Each structure stands twice: as C-alpha cells, then as structure tokens.
Protein backbone atom coordinates (compact mmCIF):
# COMPACT_ATOMS: atom_id res chain seq x y z
CA UNK A 1 73.59 248.15 43.25
CA UNK A 2 74.77 247.14 46.70
CA UNK A 3 73.65 244.18 48.83
CA UNK A 4 74.46 244.46 52.54
CA UNK A 5 74.08 241.41 54.78
CA UNK A 6 73.58 242.43 58.42
CA UNK A 7 74.47 239.36 60.49
CA UNK A 8 75.67 238.06 63.85
CA UNK A 9 78.14 235.23 64.38
CA UNK A 10 75.84 233.82 67.09
CA UNK A 11 72.85 233.60 64.72
CA UNK A 12 72.20 230.15 63.23
CA UNK A 13 70.27 231.39 60.18
CA UNK A 14 73.04 233.94 59.56
CA UNK A 15 75.63 231.15 59.47
CA UNK A 16 73.38 229.23 57.06
CA UNK A 17 73.10 232.30 54.81
CA UNK A 18 76.86 233.02 54.72
CA UNK A 19 77.71 230.60 51.86
CA UNK A 20 74.88 232.07 49.78
CA UNK A 21 76.16 235.61 50.33
CA UNK A 22 79.69 234.49 49.37
CA UNK A 23 78.31 232.84 46.22
CA UNK A 24 76.39 236.01 45.31
CA UNK A 25 79.55 238.08 45.76
CA UNK A 26 81.33 235.90 43.21
CA UNK A 27 78.34 235.71 40.85
CA UNK A 28 77.81 239.49 40.75
CA UNK A 29 81.45 240.57 40.85
CA UNK A 30 81.87 243.67 38.70
CA UNK A 31 78.10 244.25 38.49
CA UNK A 32 77.10 244.74 42.15
CA UNK A 33 78.77 245.17 45.52
CA UNK A 34 78.09 242.51 48.15
CA UNK A 35 79.02 243.50 51.69
CA UNK A 36 78.63 242.06 55.18
CA UNK A 37 78.10 243.96 58.45
CA UNK A 38 78.54 242.24 61.81
CA UNK A 39 75.88 243.85 64.00
CA UNK A 40 77.78 242.86 67.15
CA UNK A 41 80.81 244.87 66.01
CA UNK A 42 78.90 247.76 64.43
CA UNK A 43 75.70 248.21 66.48
CA UNK A 44 75.51 251.91 65.60
CA UNK A 45 75.32 251.09 61.89
CA UNK A 46 72.68 248.44 62.52
CA UNK A 47 70.71 251.00 64.54
CA UNK A 48 71.02 253.59 61.80
CA UNK A 49 69.24 251.23 59.41
CA UNK A 50 66.69 250.02 61.95
CA UNK A 51 67.90 246.42 61.98
CA UNK A 52 65.56 244.59 64.36
CA UNK A 53 66.56 241.01 63.57
CA UNK A 54 69.22 239.14 61.68
CA UNK A 55 69.85 238.11 59.07
CA UNK A 56 68.65 241.28 57.37
CA UNK A 57 69.75 241.92 53.81
CA UNK A 58 69.38 245.47 52.55
CA UNK A 59 69.64 246.57 48.94
CA UNK A 60 70.85 250.02 47.90
CA UNK A 61 70.75 251.84 44.59
CA UNK A 62 72.47 255.21 44.22
CA UNK A 63 73.00 255.38 47.98
CA UNK A 64 69.31 254.88 48.84
CA UNK A 65 67.78 251.79 50.40
CA UNK A 66 65.46 250.23 47.83
CA UNK A 67 64.73 246.84 49.36
CA UNK A 68 65.04 244.66 52.42
CA UNK A 69 64.71 240.93 53.02
CA UNK A 70 64.59 239.81 56.66
CA UNK A 71 65.22 236.22 57.67
CA UNK A 72 66.74 233.36 55.76
CA UNK A 73 65.68 233.33 52.10
CA UNK A 74 66.65 231.36 49.02
CA UNK A 75 69.52 232.47 46.82
CA UNK A 76 66.97 233.22 44.10
CA UNK A 77 65.23 235.76 46.34
CA UNK A 78 68.42 237.81 46.59
CA UNK A 79 69.35 237.27 42.94
CA UNK A 80 65.93 238.46 41.79
CA UNK A 81 66.39 241.79 43.56
CA UNK A 82 69.96 242.24 42.29
CA UNK A 83 68.95 241.36 38.73
CA UNK A 84 66.12 243.90 38.86
CA UNK A 85 68.46 246.60 40.18
CA UNK A 86 71.13 245.81 37.58
CA UNK A 87 68.44 245.98 34.89
CA UNK A 88 67.36 249.38 36.23
CA UNK A 89 70.98 250.53 35.97
CA UNK A 90 71.19 249.32 32.38
CA UNK A 91 68.06 251.31 31.50
CA UNK A 92 69.62 254.61 32.66
C-alpha cells in the first residue's frame, strides 16, 4: 500500500499534519510507502488526481487509488486505512 500526502507549505492544516505523516512513515516502514507531494511544485500531478483542497491524503493499492481523506484527520484515521490495506495484502 501507498499513502500520498498532497500538501502545500502555505497551508496551516498541512503543517499540522506533517508530524503525523512523518510518524506514519516510521511506523509503517517496510510495510507501506508513505510519500508527500507539494502541490505548489507539482500542480500537474495534483490535477491528475483531482486534488481540490489540501491536505488530501490518497491511498493506493496495486497502483489504483482505493481511498482518500481530505482535510486534517487523526493519526488513527490514516492508520485504519493502512492497516486494512496491509491486511488485504496479507490475504492475497
């Protein structure tokens, strides 16, 4: 599974989410990829995924988007999705 955090450096909620994303990257190391995309630097990529607002966290499984959380959420909200996706991987 892959978690991608679409963010902007000028976005307050994005700055608040950054430590959570860093913590998730450490927590899921070796089991999931955790990536960050600065929408100001890569607007074409943000457009490709229809990012309307930040922070937007997209989840991918086997190259396909399987989930999306928009706005600031708790760490548990992101962990729940990753745990479910890792469990789906273990079942295959």
